[in-house]
Structure formats: C-alpha cells, structure tokens
Amino acid sequence: MTQASSHWDESIPSHENIIYACFGGLSNTGITAALASLEAVKELGLDKACIGCLAGVSTGVPPVLGKTRVAKKVITVDGCPMECSRKVIEQAGFPIAKSIVLVRDIGMKKKALHEDIGKDLKPVMEYISEDDVRKAKELIINELNKK
C-alpha cells in the first residue's frame, strides 16, 4: 500500500511525533507496549506526541495519513518479534525513526494470556510488570527527545 492522497488539510496543527504501538491484547508484551505508549504520551503531552491509529494507516484514512506525513518522527513499539506495527507503517510507505521491540530491547518474556484459561487465570494486570512498562516508556521518551 502506498501513501494515499490526503483529503486532510496539512496546515492544521498536529502532534509533533506519532507512536504506532501494537496493542496486542493476547499477550503481556502487547499490553505493555500499549501502556508504555500511553504513559509516554501522558508524560510528554499531546503537542509532543500521540498514539496513531494502525487500522487507519492500513485502511488509508486521510486524516491519519496526513498527520503521519507531517510528523517529525514516527516510532513503532511492538511487544514481540512479529513487529506488526513496524510492518504496517513500512507497508504504508512511512519512514520510521525508531522501531522498538520489547522482547529484544528490554528483554521481556512473552506470555500468551490464553495459556491460563481453564487453569489459574489471573486478572490481566497481574501479567504486566510495572518495571517493564517503565523501561519501555523510557525508551519511547528517550527516542522522541533525541534531536
């Protein structure tokens, strides 16, 4: 897929940077990528960063493509080596300033959440490490703050 022509007015103020994160809720790594991205945006503020809509990129939604086109940096955050967010953004033709993969970059171990169904199923947040969220958030913020 190539960058679709935009029906979006690129003179409209937008976010400086866009984070495309895999929110893969089937595993701890996807949820951690999502939470870390949200925490980074919360800390940096919406003028500095936002979370982009991966579905909007892959379906050619003009405002999503327009905002991505004018962003100073686009980074992707994936929990696992499948790197779904990186692949979607590359396939759309956008340059990626940094691809973060949590299993590679912070040493997370992926846990598929369905494995405990019928056994010792815990609340979802018990599968998530606050330390992993913090480490991932710091990677995202450090990348967005680089000149």
C-alpha atoms as a PDB file:
ATOM      1  CA  MET A   1       0.000   0.000   0.000  1.00  0.00           C
ATOM      2  CA  THR A   2       1.307   3.465  -0.786  1.00  0.00           C
ATOM      3  CA  GLN A   3       0.582   6.737   0.890  1.00  0.00           C
ATOM      4  CA  ALA A   4      -2.906   7.713  -0.227  1.00  0.00           C
ATOM      5  CA  SER A   5      -3.585  11.244  -1.366  1.00  0.00           C
ATOM      6  CA  SER A   6      -4.925  13.173   1.566  1.00  0.00           C
ATOM      7  CA  HIS A   7      -8.201  14.996   1.935  1.00  0.00           C
ATOM      8  CA  TRP A   8      -6.732  16.355   5.134  1.00  0.00           C
ATOM      9  CA  ASP A   9      -5.562  19.950   5.413  1.00  0.00           C
ATOM     10  CA  GLU A  10      -1.879  19.648   6.382  1.00  0.00           C
ATOM     11  CA  SER A  11      -1.887  23.246   7.671  1.00  0.00           C
ATOM     12  CA  ILE A  12      -3.990  22.068  10.642  1.00  0.00           C
ATOM     13  CA  PRO A  13      -1.852  21.870  13.806  1.00  0.00           C
ATOM     14  CA  SER A  14      -0.892  18.318  14.646  1.00  0.00           C
ATOM     15  CA  HIS A  15       1.215  16.345  17.071  1.00  0.00           C
ATOM     16  CA  GLU A  16       4.964  16.652  16.697  1.00  0.00           C
ATOM     17  CA  ASN A  17       5.576  12.893  16.837  1.00  0.00           C
ATOM     18  CA  ILE A  18       3.448   9.790  16.388  1.00  0.00           C
ATOM     19  CA  ILE A  19       3.817   6.491  18.193  1.00  0.00           C
ATOM     20  CA  TYR A  20       2.370   3.454  16.460  1.00  0.00           C
ATOM     21  CA  ALA A  21       2.102   0.676  19.012  1.00  0.00           C
ATOM     22  CA  CYS A  22       0.842  -2.851  18.723  1.00  0.00           C
ATOM     23  CA  PHE A  23      -1.885  -3.156  21.339  1.00  0.00           C
ATOM     24  CA  GLY A  24      -1.781  -6.945  21.039  1.00  0.00           C
ATOM     25  CA  GLY A  25      -4.074  -7.803  23.908  1.00  0.00           C
ATOM     26  CA  LEU A  26      -3.456 -11.511  23.505  1.00  0.00           C
ATOM     27  CA  SER A  27      -0.140 -11.252  25.340  1.00  0.00           C
ATOM     28  CA  ASN A  28       1.609  -9.398  28.121  1.00  0.00           C
ATOM     29  CA  THR A  29       4.030  -7.810  25.634  1.00  0.00           C
ATOM     30  CA  GLY A  30       1.295  -6.192  23.547  1.00  0.00           C
ATOM     31  CA  ILE A  31      -0.456  -4.793  26.596  1.00  0.00           C
ATOM     32  CA  THR A  32       2.885  -3.494  27.895  1.00  0.00           C
ATOM     33  CA  ALA A  33       3.582  -1.781  24.547  1.00  0.00           C
ATOM     34  CA  ALA A  34       0.168  -0.126  24.770  1.00  0.00           C
ATOM     35  CA  LEU A  35       0.531   1.010  28.380  1.00  0.00           C
ATOM     36  CA  ALA A  36       4.074   2.307  27.872  1.00  0.00           C
ATOM     37  CA  SER A  37       2.976   4.299  24.816  1.00  0.00           C
ATOM     38  CA  LEU A  38       0.060   5.809  26.731  1.00  0.00           C
ATOM     39  CA  GLU A  39       2.348   6.687  29.647  1.00  0.00           C
ATOM     40  CA  ALA A  40       4.840   8.328  27.281  1.00  0.00           C
ATOM     41  CA  VAL A  41       2.121  10.495  25.724  1.00  0.00           C
ATOM     42  CA  LYS A  42       0.806  11.345  29.191  1.00  0.00           C
ATOM     43  CA  GLU A  43       4.292  12.467  30.278  1.00  0.00           C
ATOM     44  CA  LEU A  44       5.244  14.318  27.083  1.00  0.00           C
ATOM     45  CA  GLY A  45       1.874  15.922  26.322  1.00  0.00           C
ATOM     46  CA  LEU A  46      -0.270  15.785  23.196  1.00  0.00           C
ATOM     47  CA  ASP A  47       1.590  18.583  21.435  1.00  0.00           C
ATOM     48  CA  LYS A  48       4.792  16.492  21.577  1.00  0.00           C
ATOM     49  CA  ALA A  49       3.352  13.000  20.907  1.00  0.00           C
ATOM     50  CA  CYS A  50       0.255  10.971  20.227  1.00  0.00           C
ATOM     51  CA  ILE A  51      -0.636   7.386  19.543  1.00  0.00           C
ATOM     52  CA  GLY A  52      -1.534   6.806  15.917  1.00  0.00           C
ATOM     53  CA  CYS A  53      -4.243   4.517  14.611  1.00  0.00           C
ATOM     54  CA  LEU A  54      -2.689   1.477  12.930  1.00  0.00           C
ATOM     55  CA  ALA A  55      -6.046   0.485  11.439  1.00  0.00           C
ATOM     56  CA  GLY A  56      -6.367   3.972   9.938  1.00  0.00           C
ATOM     57  CA  VAL A  57      -2.968   3.650   8.292  1.00  0.00           C
ATOM     58  CA  SER A  58      -3.719   0.243   6.823  1.00  0.00           C
ATOM     59  CA  THR A  59      -7.135   1.356   5.520  1.00  0.00           C
ATOM     60  CA  GLY A  60      -5.918   4.692   4.131  1.00  0.00           C
ATOM     61  CA  VAL A  61      -7.890   7.084   6.372  1.00  0.00           C
ATOM     62  CA  PRO A  62      -6.881  10.570   5.107  1.00  0.00           C
ATOM     63  CA  PRO A  63      -6.533  12.365   8.484  1.00  0.00           C
ATOM     64  CA  VAL A  64      -4.419   9.512   9.877  1.00  0.00           C
ATOM     65  CA  LEU A  65      -2.173   9.512   6.807  1.00  0.00           C
ATOM     66  CA  GLY A  66      -1.964  13.312   6.831  1.00  0.00           C
ATOM     67  CA  LYS A  67      -0.956  13.523  10.464  1.00  0.00           C
ATOM     68  CA  THR A  68       1.616  10.785   9.940  1.00  0.00           C
ATOM     69  CA  ARG A  69       3.006  12.562   6.879  1.00  0.00           C
ATOM     70  CA  VAL A  70       3.656  15.813   8.812  1.00  0.00           C
ATOM     71  CA  ALA A  71       5.046  14.207  11.974  1.00  0.00           C
ATOM     72  CA  LYS A  72       8.698  14.936  12.703  1.00  0.00           C
ATOM     73  CA  LYS A  73       9.203  11.382  13.964  1.00  0.00           C
ATOM     74  CA  VAL A  74       7.274   8.178  13.649  1.00  0.00           C
ATOM     75  CA  ILE A  75       8.254   5.400  16.011  1.00  0.00           C
ATOM     76  CA  THR A  76       6.824   1.923  16.327  1.00  0.00           C
ATOM     77  CA  VAL A  77       6.502  -0.067  19.525  1.00  0.00           C
ATOM     78  CA  ASP A  78       5.958  -3.801  19.263  1.00  0.00           C
ATOM     79  CA  GLY A  79       5.919  -6.281  22.079  1.00  0.00           C
ATOM     80  CA  CYS A  80       7.124  -9.285  20.145  1.00  0.00           C
ATOM     81  CA  PRO A  81       9.307 -10.169  17.133  1.00  0.00           C
ATOM     82  CA  MET A  82       6.287 -10.293  14.808  1.00  0.00           C
ATOM     83  CA  GLU A  83       6.647  -6.466  14.684  1.00  0.00           C
ATOM     84  CA  CYS A  84       3.120  -5.839  13.400  1.00  0.00           C
ATOM     85  CA  SER A  85       3.179  -2.071  13.917  1.00  0.00           C
ATOM     86  CA  ARG A  86       6.539  -1.690  12.143  1.00  0.00           C
ATOM     87  CA  LYS A  87       5.304  -3.746   9.193  1.00  0.00           C
ATOM     88  CA  VAL A  88       2.065  -1.761   8.826  1.00  0.00           C
ATOM     89  CA  ILE A  89       3.902   1.583   8.855  1.00  0.00           C
ATOM     90  CA  GLU A  90       6.594   0.422   6.434  1.00  0.00           C
ATOM     91  CA  GLN A  91       4.000  -1.074   4.094  1.00  0.00           C
ATOM     92  CA  ALA A  92       2.234   2.294   4.026  1.00  0.00           C
ATOM     93  CA  GLY A  93       5.498   3.917   2.925  1.00  0.00           C
ATOM     94  CA  PHE A  94       6.281   5.991   6.004  1.00  0.00           C
ATOM     95  CA  PRO A  95       9.832   6.297   7.345  1.00  0.00           C
ATOM     96  CA  ILE A  96      10.313   5.023  10.887  1.00  0.00           C
ATOM     97  CA  ALA A  97      12.728   6.901  13.124  1.00  0.00           C
ATOM     98  CA  LYS A  98      12.959   4.001  15.570  1.00  0.00           C
ATOM     99  CA  SER A  99      11.461   0.537  15.892  1.00  0.00           C
ATOM    100  CA  ILE A 100      11.213  -0.644  19.498  1.00  0.00           C
ATOM    101  CA  VAL A 101      10.588  -4.337  20.188  1.00  0.00           C
ATOM    102  CA  LEU A 102      10.104  -5.107  23.867  1.00  0.00           C
ATOM    103  CA  VAL A 103      11.330  -8.712  23.833  1.00  0.00           C
ATOM    104  CA  ARG A 104      14.524  -7.518  22.141  1.00  0.00           C
ATOM    105  CA  ASP A 105      15.038  -4.089  23.686  1.00  0.00           C
ATOM    106  CA  ILE A 106      14.108  -4.639  27.343  1.00  0.00           C
ATOM    107  CA  GLY A 107      14.329  -8.428  27.495  1.00  0.00           C
ATOM    108  CA  MET A 108      10.654  -9.119  28.127  1.00  0.00           C
ATOM    109  CA  LYS A 109       9.419 -12.682  28.011  1.00  0.00           C
ATOM    110  CA  LYS A 110       6.194 -13.054  26.042  1.00  0.00           C
ATOM    111  CA  LYS A 111       3.270 -14.744  27.801  1.00  0.00           C
ATOM    112  CA  ALA A 112       0.206 -15.609  25.742  1.00  0.00           C
ATOM    113  CA  LEU A 113      -2.728 -14.843  28.032  1.00  0.00           C
ATOM    114  CA  HIS A 114      -4.864 -17.728  26.775  1.00  0.00           C
ATOM    115  CA  GLU A 115      -2.421 -20.243  28.251  1.00  0.00           C
ATOM    116  CA  ASP A 116      -4.022 -19.938  31.710  1.00  0.00           C
ATOM    117  CA  ILE A 117      -7.670 -20.228  30.600  1.00  0.00           C
ATOM    118  CA  GLY A 118      -9.184 -23.175  32.452  1.00  0.00           C
ATOM    119  CA  LYS A 119      -6.277 -23.187  34.917  1.00  0.00           C
ATOM    120  CA  ASP A 120      -5.005 -20.375  37.115  1.00  0.00           C
ATOM    121  CA  LEU A 121      -6.363 -17.384  35.180  1.00  0.00           C
ATOM    122  CA  LYS A 122      -5.342 -14.125  36.855  1.00  0.00           C
ATOM    123  CA  PRO A 123      -6.617 -10.576  36.361  1.00  0.00           C
ATOM    124  CA  VAL A 124      -4.986  -9.095  33.245  1.00  0.00           C
ATOM    125  CA  MET A 125      -2.819  -6.592  35.106  1.00  0.00           C
ATOM    126  CA  GLU A 126      -1.159  -9.405  37.058  1.00  0.00           C
ATOM    127  CA  TYR A 127       0.514 -10.427  33.785  1.00  0.00           C
ATOM    128  CA  ILE A 128       2.009  -6.950  33.376  1.00  0.00           C
ATOM    129  CA  SER A 129       5.188  -5.755  35.094  1.00  0.00           C
ATOM    130  CA  GLU A 130       5.235  -2.116  36.168  1.00  0.00           C
ATOM    131  CA  ASP A 131       9.010  -2.231  35.726  1.00  0.00           C
ATOM    132  CA  ASP A 132       8.636  -3.365  32.083  1.00  0.00           C
ATOM    133  CA  VAL A 133       6.108  -0.573  31.426  1.00  0.00           C
ATOM    134  CA  ARG A 134       8.522   1.962  32.948  1.00  0.00           C
ATOM    135  CA  LYS A 135      11.505   0.667  30.922  1.00  0.00           C
ATOM    136  CA  ALA A 136       9.506   0.715  27.685  1.00  0.00           C
ATOM    137  CA  LYS A 137       8.133   4.201  28.406  1.00  0.00           C
ATOM    138  CA  GLU A 138      11.665   5.468  28.993  1.00  0.00           C
ATOM    139  CA  LEU A 139      12.819   4.005  25.647  1.00  0.00           C
ATOM    140  CA  ILE A 140       9.954   5.759  23.869  1.00  0.00           C
ATOM    141  CA  ILE A 141      10.553   9.113  25.593  1.00  0.00           C
ATOM    142  CA  ASN A 142      14.316   8.960  25.021  1.00  0.00           C
ATOM    143  CA  GLU A 143      13.767   8.333  21.320  1.00  0.00           C
ATOM    144  CA  LEU A 144      11.261  11.163  20.953  1.00  0.00           C
ATOM    145  CA  ASN A 145      13.544  13.578  22.807  1.00  0.00           C
ATOM    146  CA  LYS A 146      16.528  12.857  20.528  1.00  0.00           C
ATOM    147  CA  LYS A 147      17.349  15.606  18.079  1.00  0.00           C
END
